PDB file of N, CA and C in Angstrom:
ATOM      1  N   MET A   1       0.930  -1.140  -0.004  1.00  0.00           N
ATOM      2  CA  MET A   1      -0.014  -0.062  -0.006  1.00  0.00           C
ATOM      3  C   MET A   1       0.844   1.241   0.013  1.00  0.00           C
ATOM      4  N   ILE A   2       2.032   1.204   0.644  1.00  0.00           N
ATOM      5  CA  ILE A   2       2.846   2.308   0.759  1.00  0.00           C
ATOM      6  C   ILE A   2       3.410   2.706  -0.611  1.00  0.00           C
ATOM      7  N   SER A   3       3.653   1.645  -1.459  1.00  0.00           N
ATOM      8  CA  SER A   3       4.219   1.897  -2.819  1.00  0.00           C
ATOM      9  C   SER A   3       3.303   2.503  -3.653  1.00  0.00           C
ATOM     10  N   SER A   4       1.845   2.252  -3.505  1.00  0.00           N
ATOM     11  CA  SER A   4       0.919   2.975  -4.433  1.00  0.00           C
ATOM     12  C   SER A   4       0.769   4.435  -3.919  1.00  0.00           C
ATOM     13  N   ILE A   5       0.956   4.675  -2.677  1.00  0.00           N
ATOM     14  CA  ILE A   5       0.874   5.997  -2.245  1.00  0.00           C
ATOM     15  C   ILE A   5       2.195   6.830  -2.873  1.00  0.00           C
ATOM     16  N   HIS A   6       3.234   6.060  -2.798  1.00  0.00           N
ATOM     17  CA  HIS A   6       4.341   6.692  -3.429  1.00  0.00           C
ATOM     18  C   HIS A   6       4.185   6.957  -4.880  1.00  0.00           C
ATOM     19  N   ASN A   7       3.606   6.149  -5.550  1.00  0.00           N
ATOM     20  CA  ASN A   7       3.303   6.288  -6.943  1.00  0.00           C
ATOM     21  C   ASN A   7       2.485   7.533  -7.305  1.00  0.00           C
ATOM     22  N   ASN A   8       1.378   7.639  -6.507  1.00  0.00           N
ATOM     23  CA  ASN A   8       0.501   8.789  -6.630  1.00  0.00           C
ATOM     24  C   ASN A   8       1.137  10.075  -6.299  1.00  0.00           C
ATOM     25  N   THR A   9       1.984  10.107  -5.116  1.00  0.00           N
ATOM     26  CA  THR A   9       2.664  11.241  -4.812  1.00  0.00           C
ATOM     27  C   THR A   9       3.792  11.674  -5.796  1.00  0.00           C
ATOM     28  N   SER A  10       4.466  10.667  -6.328  1.00  0.00           N
ATOM     29  CA  SER A  10       5.449  10.966  -7.350  1.00  0.00           C
ATOM     30  C   SER A  10       4.879  11.617  -8.648  1.00  0.00           C
ATOM     31  N   ALA A  11       3.601  10.958  -8.986  1.00  0.00           N
ATOM     32  CA  ALA A  11       2.869  11.371 -10.209  1.00  0.00           C
ATOM     33  C   ALA A  11       2.475  12.920  -9.836  1.00  0.00           C
ATOM     34  N   MET A  12       2.012  13.233  -8.676  1.00  0.00           N
ATOM     35  CA  MET A  12       1.627  14.588  -8.351  1.00  0.00           C
ATOM     36  C   MET A  12       2.724  15.508  -8.515  1.00  0.00           C
ATOM     37  N   GLN A  13       3.898  15.048  -8.111  1.00  0.00           N
ATOM     38  CA  GLN A  13       5.144  15.852  -8.283  1.00  0.00           C
ATOM     39  C   GLN A  13       5.513  16.103  -9.714  1.00  0.00           C
ATOM     40  N   ALA A  14       5.354  15.089 -10.478  1.00  0.00           N
ATOM     41  CA  ALA A  14       5.620  15.155 -11.965  1.00  0.00           C
ATOM     42  C   ALA A  14       4.642  16.148 -12.599  1.00  0.00           C
ATOM     43  N   PHE A  15       3.426  16.026 -12.293  1.00  0.00           N
ATOM     44  CA  PHE A  15       2.371  16.947 -12.873  1.00  0.00           C
ATOM     45  C   PHE A  15       2.681  18.416 -12.408  1.00  0.00           C
ATOM     46  N   SER A  16       3.126  18.577 -11.192  1.00  0.00           N
ATOM     47  CA  SER A  16       3.533  19.967 -10.760  1.00  0.00           C
ATOM     48  C   SER A  16       4.618  20.485 -11.473  1.00  0.00           C
ATOM     49  N   ASN A  17       5.545  19.647 -11.834  1.00  0.00           N
ATOM     50  CA  ASN A  17       6.850  19.984 -12.786  1.00  0.00           C
ATOM     51  C   ASN A  17       6.270  20.423 -14.138  1.00  0.00           C
ATOM     52  N   GLN A  18       5.249  19.635 -14.603  1.00  0.00           N
ATOM     53  CA  GLN A  18       4.758  20.024 -15.968  1.00  0.00           C
ATOM     54  C   GLN A  18       4.139  21.396 -15.967  1.00  0.00           C
ATOM     55  N   ILE A  19       3.353  21.669 -14.857  1.00  0.00           N
ATOM     56  CA  ILE A  19       2.774  23.071 -14.692  1.00  0.00           C
ATOM     57  C   ILE A  19       3.778  24.135 -14.499  1.00  0.00           C
ATOM     58  N   ARG A  20       4.818  23.877 -13.840  1.00  0.00           N
ATOM     59  CA  ARG A  20       5.990  24.737 -13.560  1.00  0.00           C
ATOM     60  C   ARG A  20       6.600  25.110 -14.991  1.00  0.00           C
ATOM     61  N   ALA A  21       6.934  24.137 -15.762  1.00  0.00           N
ATOM     62  CA  ALA A  21       7.596  24.282 -16.966  1.00  0.00           C
ATOM     63  C   ALA A  21       6.728  25.143 -17.889  1.00  0.00           C
ATOM     64  N   SER A  22       5.371  24.817 -18.032  1.00  0.00           N
ATOM     65  CA  SER A  22       4.517  25.459 -18.810  1.00  0.00           C
ATOM     66  C   SER A  22       4.300  26.931 -18.332  1.00  0.00           C
ATOM     67  N   ALA A  23       4.161  27.258 -16.963  1.00  0.00           N
ATOM     68  CA  ALA A  23       4.029  28.550 -16.541  1.00  0.00           C
ATOM     69  C   ALA A  23       5.308  29.376 -16.949  1.00  0.00           C
ATOM     70  N   ASN A  24       6.439  28.739 -16.764  1.00  0.00           N
ATOM     71  CA  ASN A  24       7.629  29.548 -17.277  1.00  0.00           C
ATOM     72  C   ASN A  24       7.618  29.837 -18.822  1.00  0.00           C
ATOM     73  N   ASN A  25       7.081  29.025 -19.540  1.00  0.00           N
ATOM     74  CA  ASN A  25       7.018  29.286 -20.951  1.00  0.00           C
ATOM     75  C   ASN A  25       6.034  30.510 -21.209  1.00  0.00           C
ATOM     76  N   VAL A  26       4.838  30.442 -20.509  1.00  0.00           N
ATOM     77  CA  VAL A  26       3.869  31.561 -20.620  1.00  0.00           C
ATOM     78  C   VAL A  26       4.613  32.873 -20.177  1.00  0.00           C
ATOM     79  N   ALA A  27       5.242  32.769 -19.012  1.00  0.00           N
ATOM     80  CA  ALA A  27       5.809  34.065 -18.457  1.00  0.00           C
ATOM     81  C   ALA A  27       6.857  34.638 -19.437  1.00  0.00           C
ATOM     82  N   ASN A  28       7.489  33.891 -20.166  1.00  0.00           N
ATOM     83  CA  ASN A  28       8.473  34.340 -21.132  1.00  0.00           C
ATOM     84  C   ASN A  28       7.984  34.405 -22.556  1.00  0.00           C
ATOM     85  N   ALA A  29       6.671  34.248 -22.745  1.00  0.00           N
ATOM     86  CA  ALA A  29       6.136  34.251 -24.181  1.00  0.00           C
ATOM     87  C   ALA A  29       6.423  35.451 -24.939  1.00  0.00           C
ATOM     88  N   LEU A  30       6.660  36.521 -24.376  1.00  0.00           N
ATOM     89  CA  LEU A  30       6.823  37.908 -25.107  1.00  0.00           C
ATOM     90  C   LEU A  30       8.328  38.157 -25.022  1.00  0.00           C
ATOM     91  N   SER A  31       9.126  37.364 -24.595  1.00  0.00           N
ATOM     92  CA  SER A  31      10.650  37.561 -24.601  1.00  0.00           C
ATOM     93  C   SER A  31      11.241  37.148 -25.955  1.00  0.00           C
ATOM     94  N   ASP A  32      11.864  38.001 -26.544  1.00  0.00           N
ATOM     95  CA  ASP A  32      12.446  37.698 -27.994  1.00  0.00           C
ATOM     96  C   ASP A  32      13.572  36.555 -27.824  1.00  0.00           C
ATOM     97  N   GLU A  33      13.348  35.598 -28.734  1.00  0.00           N
ATOM     98  CA  GLU A  33      14.297  34.467 -28.964  1.00  0.00           C
ATOM     99  C   GLU A  33      14.141  33.553 -27.728  1.00  0.00           C
ATOM    100  N   PHE A  34      13.169  33.575 -26.939  1.00  0.00           N
ATOM    101  CA  PHE A  34      12.959  32.659 -25.861  1.00  0.00           C
ATOM    102  C   PHE A  34      12.608  31.288 -26.447  1.00  0.00           C
ATOM    103  N   LYS A  35      13.172  30.148 -25.961  1.00  0.00           N
ATOM    104  CA  LYS A  35      12.908  28.865 -26.432  1.00  0.00           C
ATOM    105  C   LYS A  35      12.231  28.092 -25.325  1.00  0.00           C
ATOM    106  N   SER A  36      11.104  27.635 -25.588  1.00  0.00           N
ATOM    107  CA  SER A  36      10.258  26.977 -24.563  1.00  0.00           C
ATOM    108  C   SER A  36      10.712  25.630 -24.262  1.00  0.00           C
ATOM    109  N   SER A  37      10.334  25.197 -23.079  1.00  0.00           N
ATOM    110  CA  SER A  37      10.602  23.758 -22.602  1.00  0.00           C
ATOM    111  C   SER A  37       9.402  22.983 -22.572  1.00  0.00           C
ATOM    112  N   ARG A  38       9.712  21.573 -22.662  1.00  0.00           N
ATOM    113  CA  ARG A  38       8.629  20.701 -22.602  1.00  0.00           C
ATOM    114  C   ARG A  38       8.904  19.678 -21.459  1.00  0.00           C
ATOM    115  N   ALA A  39       7.990  19.438 -20.583  1.00  0.00           N
ATOM    116  CA  ALA A  39       8.078  18.457 -19.436  1.00  0.00           C
ATOM    117  C   ALA A  39       7.206  17.205 -19.800  1.00  0.00           C
ATOM    118  N   HIS A  40       8.045  16.056 -19.810  1.00  0.00           N
ATOM    119  CA  HIS A  40       7.455  14.827 -20.169  1.00  0.00           C
ATOM    120  C   HIS A  40       7.474  13.962 -18.988  1.00  0.00           C
ATOM    121  N   ASN A  41       6.374  13.334 -18.536  1.00  0.00           N
ATOM    122  CA  ASN A  41       6.443  12.398 -17.378  1.00  0.00           C
ATOM    123  C   ASN A  41       6.683  11.014 -17.796  1.00  0.00           C
ATOM    124  N   VAL A  42       7.629  10.407 -17.292  1.00  0.00           N
ATOM    125  CA  VAL A  42       8.014   8.967 -17.633  1.00  0.00           C
ATOM    126  C   VAL A  42       8.107   8.193 -16.333  1.00  0.00           C
ATOM    127  N   GLU A  43       7.992   6.868 -16.651  1.00  0.00           N
ATOM    128  CA  GLU A  43       8.027   5.872 -15.571  1.00  0.00           C
ATOM    129  C   GLU A  43       9.398   5.856 -14.886  1.00  0.00           C
ATOM    130  N   ALA A  44       9.436   6.064 -13.560  1.00  0.00           N
ATOM    131  CA  ALA A  44      10.734   5.995 -12.752  1.00  0.00           C
ATOM    132  C   ALA A  44      11.024   4.507 -12.422  1.00  0.00           C
ATOM    133  N   LYS A  45      12.251   4.115 -12.310  1.00  0.00           N
ATOM    134  CA  LYS A  45      12.647   2.815 -11.897  1.00  0.00           C
ATOM    135  C   LYS A  45      12.987   2.895 -10.402  1.00  0.00           C
ATOM    136  N   PRO A  46      12.572   2.091  -9.512  1.00  0.00           N
ATOM    137  CA  PRO A  46      11.839   0.891  -9.731  1.00  0.00           C
ATOM    138  C   PRO A  46      10.379   1.058  -9.851  1.00  0.00           C
ATOM    139  N   GLN A  47       9.892   2.305  -9.396  1.00  0.00           N
ATOM    140  CA  GLN A  47       8.520   2.528  -9.464  1.00  0.00           C
ATOM    141  C   GLN A  47       8.286   4.149  -9.393  1.00  0.00           C
ATOM    142  N   GLY A  48       7.009   4.546  -9.725  1.00  0.00           N
ATOM    143  CA  GLY A  48       6.741   5.930  -9.615  1.00  0.00           C
ATOM    144  C   GLY A  48       6.809   6.670 -10.948  1.00  0.00           C
ATOM    145  N   VAL A  49       6.936   7.915 -10.879  1.00  0.00           N
ATOM    146  CA  VAL A  49       6.852   8.801 -12.002  1.00  0.00           C
ATOM    147  C   VAL A  49       7.892   9.911 -11.852  1.00  0.00           C
ATOM    148  N   SER A  50       8.603  10.301 -12.915  1.00  0.00           N
ATOM    149  CA  SER A  50       9.558  11.309 -12.957  1.00  0.00           C
ATOM    150  C   SER A  50       9.347  12.156 -14.105  1.00  0.00           C
ATOM    151  N   THR A  51       9.960  13.411 -14.177  1.00  0.00           N
ATOM    152  CA  THR A  51       9.894  14.370 -15.207  1.00  0.00           C
ATOM    153  C   THR A  51      11.142  14.643 -15.950  1.00  0.00           C
ATOM    154  N   VAL A  52      11.053  14.579 -17.339  1.00  0.00           N
ATOM    155  CA  VAL A  52      12.145  14.914 -18.248  1.00  0.00           C
ATOM    156  C   VAL A  52      11.829  16.199 -18.770  1.00  0.00           C
ATOM    157  N   ILE A  53      12.745  17.167 -18.653  1.00  0.00           N
ATOM    158  CA  ILE A  53      12.564  18.514 -19.233  1.00  0.00           C
ATOM    159  C   ILE A  53      13.436  18.650 -20.532  1.00  0.00           C
ATOM    160  N   SER A  54      12.869  18.927 -21.607  1.00  0.00           N
ATOM    161  CA  SER A  54      13.627  19.211 -22.803  1.00  0.00           C
ATOM    162  C   SER A  54      13.315  20.590 -23.318  1.00  0.00           C
ATOM    163  N   LYS A  55      14.245  21.075 -24.078  1.00  0.00           N
ATOM    164  CA  LYS A  55      14.213  22.449 -24.739  1.00  0.00           C
ATOM    165  C   LYS A  55      13.774  22.278 -26.142  1.00  0.00           C
ATOM    166  N   ASP A  56      12.689  23.049 -26.417  1.00  0.00           N
ATOM    167  CA  ASP A  56      12.210  23.115 -27.792  1.00  0.00           C
ATOM    168  C   ASP A  56      13.128  24.014 -28.554  1.00  0.00           C
ATOM    169  N   THR A  57      13.964  23.605 -29.499  1.00  0.00           N
ATOM    170  CA  THR A  57      14.831  24.462 -30.147  1.00  0.00           C
ATOM    171  C   THR A  57      14.411  25.004 -31.508  1.00  0.00           C
ATOM    172  N   SER A  58      13.193  24.673 -31.802  1.00  0.00           N
ATOM    173  CA  SER A  58      12.694  25.384 -33.078  1.00  0.00           C
ATOM    174  C   SER A  58      12.589  26.783 -32.962  1.00  0.00           C
ATOM    175  N   ALA A  59      12.698  27.355 -34.100  1.00  0.00           N
ATOM    176  CA  ALA A  59      12.780  28.893 -34.295  1.00  0.00           C
ATOM    177  C   ALA A  59      11.335  29.452 -34.006  1.00  0.00           C
ATOM    178  N   GLY A  60      11.427  30.601 -33.363  1.00  0.00           N
ATOM    179  CA  GLY A  60      10.152  31.341 -33.329  1.00  0.00           C
ATOM    180  C   GLY A  60       9.921  32.182 -34.497  1.00  0.00           C
ATOM    181  N   PRO A  61       8.820  32.812 -34.680  1.00  0.00           N
ATOM    182  CA  PRO A  61       8.480  33.530 -35.939  1.00  0.00           C
ATOM    183  C   PRO A  61       9.378  34.708 -35.977  1.00  0.00           C
ATOM    184  N   LEU A  62       9.691  35.090 -37.325  1.00  0.00           N
ATOM    185  CA  LEU A  62      10.486  36.320 -37.529  1.00  0.00           C
ATOM    186  C   LEU A  62       9.588  37.346 -37.835  1.00  0.00           C
ATOM    187  N   VAL A  63       9.942  38.547 -37.418  1.00  0.00           N
ATOM    188  CA  VAL A  63       9.139  39.658 -37.599  1.00  0.00           C
ATOM    189  C   VAL A  63      10.007  40.928 -37.707  1.00  0.00           C
ATOM    190  N   GLU A  64       9.573  41.879 -38.471  1.00  0.00           N
ATOM    191  CA  GLU A  64      10.375  43.068 -38.757  1.00  0.00           C
ATOM    192  C   GLU A  64      10.583  43.732 -37.403  1.00  0.00           C
ATOM    193  N   ASP A  65      11.858  44.056 -37.065  1.00  0.00           N
ATOM    194  CA  ASP A  65      12.143  44.787 -35.821  1.00  0.00           C
ATOM    195  C   ASP A  65      11.698  46.265 -35.828  1.00  0.00           C
ATOM    196  N   PRO A  66      10.741  46.558 -34.992  1.00  0.00           N
ATOM    197  CA  PRO A  66      10.185  47.879 -34.934  1.00  0.00           C
ATOM    198  C   PRO A  66      11.137  48.995 -34.424  1.00  0.00           C
ATOM    199  N   LEU A  67      12.228  48.481 -33.735  1.00  0.00           N
ATOM    200  CA  LEU A  67      13.288  49.586 -33.237  1.00  0.00           C
ATOM    201  C   LEU A  67      14.359  50.003 -34.158  1.00  0.00           C
ATOM    202  N   LYS A  68      14.337  49.223 -35.389  1.00  0.00           N
ATOM    203  CA  LYS A  68      15.337  49.563 -36.438  1.00  0.00           C
ATOM    204  C   LYS A  68      14.617  49.951 -37.693  1.00  0.00           C
ATOM    205  N   ASN A  69      15.178  50.830 -38.410  1.00  0.00           N
ATOM    206  CA  ASN A  69      14.556  51.271 -39.680  1.00  0.00           C
ATOM    207  C   ASN A  69      15.247  50.669 -40.949  1.00  0.00           C
ATOM    208  N   ASP A  70      15.990  49.575 -40.789  1.00  0.00           N
ATOM    209  CA  ASP A  70      16.662  48.953 -41.857  1.00  0.00           C
ATOM    210  C   ASP A  70      16.011  47.702 -42.432  1.00  0.00           C
ATOM    211  N   GLY A  71      14.740  47.385 -41.857  1.00  0.00           N
ATOM    212  CA  GLY A  71      14.082  46.227 -42.323  1.00  0.00           C
ATOM    213  C   GLY A  71      14.500  44.909 -41.738  1.00  0.00           C
ATOM    214  N   SER A  72      15.408  44.955 -40.748  1.00  0.00           N
ATOM    215  CA  SER A  72      16.030  43.796 -40.147  1.00  0.00           C
ATOM    216  C   SER A  72      14.940  42.981 -39.398  1.00  0.00           C
ATOM    217  N   LEU A  73      15.172  41.718 -39.284  1.00  0.00           N
ATOM    218  CA  LEU A  73      14.208  40.848 -38.692  1.00  0.00           C
ATOM    219  C   LEU A  73      14.767  40.456 -37.207  1.00  0.00           C
ATOM    220  N   LYS A  74      13.750  40.094 -36.426  1.00  0.00           N
ATOM    221  CA  LYS A  74      14.128  39.609 -35.096  1.00  0.00           C
ATOM    222  C   LYS A  74      13.326  38.366 -34.861  1.00  0.00           C
ATOM    223  N   GLU A  75      13.746  37.428 -34.115  1.00  0.00           N
ATOM    224  CA  GLU A  75      13.055  36.251 -33.726  1.00  0.00           C
ATOM    225  C   GLU A  75      12.199  36.461 -32.391  1.00  0.00           C
ATOM    226  N   LEU A  76      11.019  36.049 -32.533  1.00  0.00           N
ATOM    227  CA  LEU A  76      10.114  36.001 -31.289  1.00  0.00           C
ATOM    228  C   LEU A  76      10.239  34.767 -30.580  1.00  0.00           C
ATOM    229  N   SER A  77       9.661  34.579 -29.407  1.00  0.00           N
ATOM    230  CA  SER A  77       9.511  33.419 -28.669  1.00  0.00           C
ATOM    231  C   SER A  77       8.825  32.332 -29.401  1.00  0.00           C
ATOM    232  N   ASN A  78       9.146  31.039 -29.265  1.00  0.00           N
ATOM    233  CA  ASN A  78       8.541  29.929 -29.852  1.00  0.00           C
ATOM    234  C   ASN A  78       7.437  29.315 -29.128  1.00  0.00           C
ATOM    235  N   THR A  79       7.001  29.999 -28.013  1.00  0.00           N
ATOM    236  CA  THR A  79       5.978  29.486 -27.195  1.00  0.00           C
ATOM    237  C   THR A  79       4.653  29.804 -27.753  1.00  0.00           C
ATOM    238  N   ASP A  80       3.843  28.554 -27.837  1.00  0.00           N
ATOM    239  CA  ASP A  80       2.440  28.610 -28.222  1.00  0.00           C
ATOM    240  C   ASP A  80       1.562  28.677 -27.163  1.00  0.00           C
ATOM    241  N   ILE A  81       0.841  29.773 -26.865  1.00  0.00           N
ATOM    242  CA  ILE A  81       0.030  29.916 -25.757  1.00  0.00           C
ATOM    243  C   ILE A  81      -1.131  28.872 -25.668  1.00  0.00           C
ATOM    244  N   ALA A  82      -1.703  28.636 -26.914  1.00  0.00           N
ATOM    245  CA  ALA A  82      -2.788  27.558 -26.864  1.00  0.00           C
ATOM    246  C   ALA A  82      -2.371  26.288 -26.345  1.00  0.00           C
ATOM    247  N   ARG A  83      -1.057  25.769 -26.768  1.00  0.00           N
ATOM    248  CA  ARG A  83      -0.473  24.583 -26.385  1.00  0.00           C
ATOM    249  C   ARG A  83      -0.267  24.498 -24.904  1.00  0.00           C
ATOM    250  N   GLU A  84       0.231  25.599 -24.359  1.00  0.00           N
ATOM    251  CA  GLU A  84       0.436  25.867 -22.982  1.00  0.00           C
ATOM    252  C   GLU A  84      -0.840  25.701 -22.127  1.00  0.00           C
ATOM    253  N   MET A  85      -1.845  26.290 -22.697  1.00  0.00           N
ATOM    254  CA  MET A  85      -3.128  26.146 -21.995  1.00  0.00           C
ATOM    255  C   MET A  85      -3.617  24.729 -21.790  1.00  0.00           C
ATOM    256  N   VAL A  86      -3.559  23.979 -23.030  1.00  0.00           N
ATOM    257  CA  VAL A  86      -3.862  22.582 -22.912  1.00  0.00           C
ATOM    258  C   VAL A  86      -3.033  21.780 -22.067  1.00  0.00           C
ATOM    259  N   GLN A  87      -1.611  22.031 -22.061  1.00  0.00           N
ATOM    260  CA  GLN A  87      -0.691  21.259 -21.235  1.00  0.00           C
ATOM    261  C   GLN A  87      -1.000  21.521 -19.809  1.00  0.00           C
ATOM    262  N   GLN A  88      -1.412  22.805 -19.317  1.00  0.00           N
ATOM    263  CA  GLN A  88      -1.660  23.133 -18.003  1.00  0.00           C
ATOM    264  C   GLN A  88      -2.941  22.422 -17.570  1.00  0.00           C
ATOM    265  N   MET A  89      -3.970  22.372 -18.435  1.00  0.00           N
ATOM    266  CA  MET A  89      -5.169  21.829 -17.975  1.00  0.00           C
ATOM    267  C   MET A  89      -5.039  20.240 -17.835  1.00  0.00           C
ATOM    268  N   THR A  90      -4.211  19.598 -18.836  1.00  0.00           N
ATOM    269  CA  THR A  90      -4.017  18.259 -18.695  1.00  0.00           C
ATOM    270  C   THR A  90      -3.255  17.881 -17.395  1.00  0.00           C
ATOM    271  N   ALA A  91      -2.277  18.620 -17.098  1.00  0.00           N
ATOM    272  CA  ALA A  91      -1.464  18.379 -15.878  1.00  0.00           C
ATOM    273  C   ALA A  91      -2.327  18.609 -14.573  1.00  0.00           C
ATOM    274  N   GLU A  92      -3.245  19.601 -14.670  1.00  0.00           N
ATOM    275  CA  GLU A  92      -4.086  19.875 -13.550  1.00  0.00           C
ATOM    276  C   GLU A  92      -5.043  18.682 -13.323  1.00  0.00           C
ATOM    277  N   HIS A  93      -5.543  17.982 -14.407  1.00  0.00           N
ATOM    278  CA  HIS A  93      -6.380  16.954 -14.251  1.00  0.00           C
ATOM    279  C   HIS A  93      -5.804  15.781 -13.711  1.00  0.00           C
ATOM    280  N   GLY A  94      -4.521  15.626 -14.237  1.00  0.00           N
ATOM    281  CA  GLY A  94      -3.700  14.447 -13.615  1.00  0.00           C
ATOM    282  C   GLY A  94      -3.316  14.564 -12.211  1.00  0.00           C
ATOM    283  N   PHE A  95      -2.972  15.724 -11.834  1.00  0.00           N
ATOM    284  CA  PHE A  95      -2.753  16.092 -10.411  1.00  0.00           C
ATOM    285  C   PHE A  95      -3.933  15.748  -9.540  1.00  0.00           C
ATOM    286  N   ASP A  96      -5.104  16.311  -9.998  1.00  0.00           N
ATOM    287  CA  ASP A  96      -6.363  16.195  -9.246  1.00  0.00           C
ATOM    288  C   ASP A  96      -6.678  14.666  -9.114  1.00  0.00           C
ATOM    289  N   ALA A  97      -6.559  13.933 -10.247  1.00  0.00           N
ATOM    290  CA  ALA A  97      -6.885  12.481 -10.234  1.00  0.00           C
ATOM    291  C   ALA A  97      -6.065  11.678  -9.181  1.00  0.00           C
ATOM    292  N   ASN A  98      -4.754  12.034  -9.132  1.00  0.00           N
ATOM    293  CA  ASN A  98      -3.816  11.332  -8.135  1.00  0.00           C
ATOM    294  C   ASN A  98      -4.178  11.763  -6.711  1.00  0.00           C
ATOM    295  N   ALA A  99      -4.549  13.089  -6.540  1.00  0.00           N
ATOM    296  CA  ALA A  99      -4.883  13.551  -5.139  1.00  0.00           C
ATOM    297  C   ALA A  99      -6.233  12.910  -4.708  1.00  0.00           C
ATOM    298  N   LYS A 100      -7.192  12.698  -5.662  1.00  0.00           N
ATOM    299  CA  LYS A 100      -8.373  12.049  -5.268  1.00  0.00           C
ATOM    300  C   LYS A 100      -8.186  10.641  -4.924  1.00  0.00           C
ATOM    301  N   THR A 101      -7.208   9.924  -5.714  1.00  0.00           N
ATOM    302  CA  THR A 101      -6.893   8.562  -5.314  1.00  0.00           C
ATOM    303  C   THR A 101      -6.419   8.372  -3.984  1.00  0.00           C
ATOM    304  N   ILE A 102      -5.522   9.365  -3.408  1.00  0.00           N
ATOM    305  CA  ILE A 102      -5.083   9.348  -2.087  1.00  0.00           C
ATOM    306  C   ILE A 102      -6.041   9.630  -1.113  1.00  0.00           C
ATOM    307  N   GLN A 103      -7.038  10.541  -1.517  1.00  0.00           N
ATOM    308  CA  GLN A 103      -8.062  10.957  -0.526  1.00  0.00           C
ATOM    309  C   GLN A 103      -9.022   9.792  -0.318  1.00  0.00           C
ATOM    310  N   THR A 104      -9.299   8.966  -1.515  1.00  0.00           N
ATOM    311  CA  THR A 104     -10.143   7.895  -1.342  1.00  0.00           C
ATOM    312  C   THR A 104      -9.532   6.673  -0.513  1.00  0.00           C
ATOM    313  N   ARG A 105      -8.250   6.545  -0.668  1.00  0.00           N
ATOM    314  CA  ARG A 105      -7.587   5.537   0.113  1.00  0.00           C
ATOM    315  C   ARG A 105      -7.630   5.917   1.604  1.00  0.00           C
ATOM    316  N   ASP A 106      -7.447   7.226   1.830  1.00  0.00           N
ATOM    317  CA  ASP A 106      -7.415   7.627   3.223  1.00  0.00           C
ATOM    318  C   ASP A 106      -8.817   7.478   3.886  1.00  0.00           C
ATOM    319  N   ASP A 107      -9.921   7.789   3.059  1.00  0.00           N
ATOM    320  CA  ASP A 107     -11.209   7.599   3.619  1.00  0.00           C
ATOM    321  C   ASP A 107     -11.575   6.215   3.753  1.00  0.00           C
ATOM    322  N   THR A 108     -11.138   5.381   2.899  1.00  0.00           N
ATOM    323  CA  THR A 108     -11.365   3.874   2.965  1.00  0.00           C
ATOM    324  C   THR A 108     -10.683   3.294   4.383  1.00  0.00           C
ATOM    325  N   ILE A 109      -9.427   3.711   4.622  1.00  0.00           N
ATOM    326  CA  ILE A 109      -8.776   3.265   5.773  1.00  0.00           C
ATOM    327  C   ILE A 109      -9.493   3.744   6.998  1.00  0.00           C
ATOM    328  N   GLY A 110      -9.921   5.061   6.904  1.00  0.00           N
ATOM    329  CA  GLY A 110     -10.628   5.479   8.123  1.00  0.00           C
ATOM    330  C   GLY A 110     -11.989   4.638   8.449  1.00  0.00           C
ATOM    331  N   THR A 111     -12.637   4.341   7.350  1.00  0.00           N
ATOM    332  CA  THR A 111     -13.942   3.579   7.519  1.00  0.00           C
ATOM    333  C   THR A 111     -13.539   2.211   8.102  1.00  0.00           C
ATOM    334  N   VAL A 112     -12.524   1.553   7.683  1.00  0.00           N
ATOM    335  CA  VAL A 112     -12.199   0.248   8.201  1.00  0.00           C
ATOM    336  C   VAL A 112     -11.676   0.377   9.665  1.00  0.00           C
ATOM    337  N   ILE A 113     -11.040   1.393   9.981  1.00  0.00           N
ATOM    338  CA  ILE A 113     -10.554   1.626  11.391  1.00  0.00           C
ATOM    339  C   ILE A 113     -11.836   1.901  12.337  1.00  0.00           C
ATOM    340  N   ASP A 114     -12.814   2.564  11.825  1.00  0.00           N
ATOM    341  CA  ASP A 114     -14.099   2.976  12.544  1.00  0.00           C
ATOM    342  C   ASP A 114     -14.778   1.571  12.694  1.00  0.00           C
ATOM    343  N   MET A 115     -14.739   0.739  11.774  1.00  0.00           N
ATOM    344  CA  MET A 115     -15.581  -0.530  11.796  1.00  0.00           C
ATOM    345  C   MET A 115     -14.868  -1.466  12.824  1.00  0.00           C
ATOM    346  N   MET A 116     -13.522  -1.359  12.990  1.00  0.00           N
ATOM    347  CA  MET A 116     -12.837  -2.253  13.845  1.00  0.00           C
ATOM    348  C   MET A 116     -12.937  -1.857  15.313  1.00  0.00           C
ATOM    349  N   GLY A 117     -13.142  -0.413  15.521  1.00  0.00           N
ATOM    350  CA  GLY A 117     -13.063   0.010  16.890  1.00  0.00           C
ATOM    351  C   GLY A 117     -14.390   0.207  17.395  1.00  0.00           C
TER     352      GLY A 117
END
């Protein structure tokens, strides 16, 4: 039973890491040349869930630099706000599902103890 609680808590930590990475992307969405990060949850050995963070090295859109009059271009952030919204919502639901599993286990154990006592 302890290992299943560990699995749920490690999953909650991993979903928190996903939300943190996505929030950083959103916070820097207007920073020129910012490269967004992706957080992927993977199975941890021997059990549980861990997060792997990778940098998205794709180029952001090129636009004319309004501070220069020579027509030069500058690269914007490659952050896609819509994708970040979906990522945050998915991670939130995963976090909530694991929290509910722990809550249900706690309620069940409480009921069993009440029945025994």
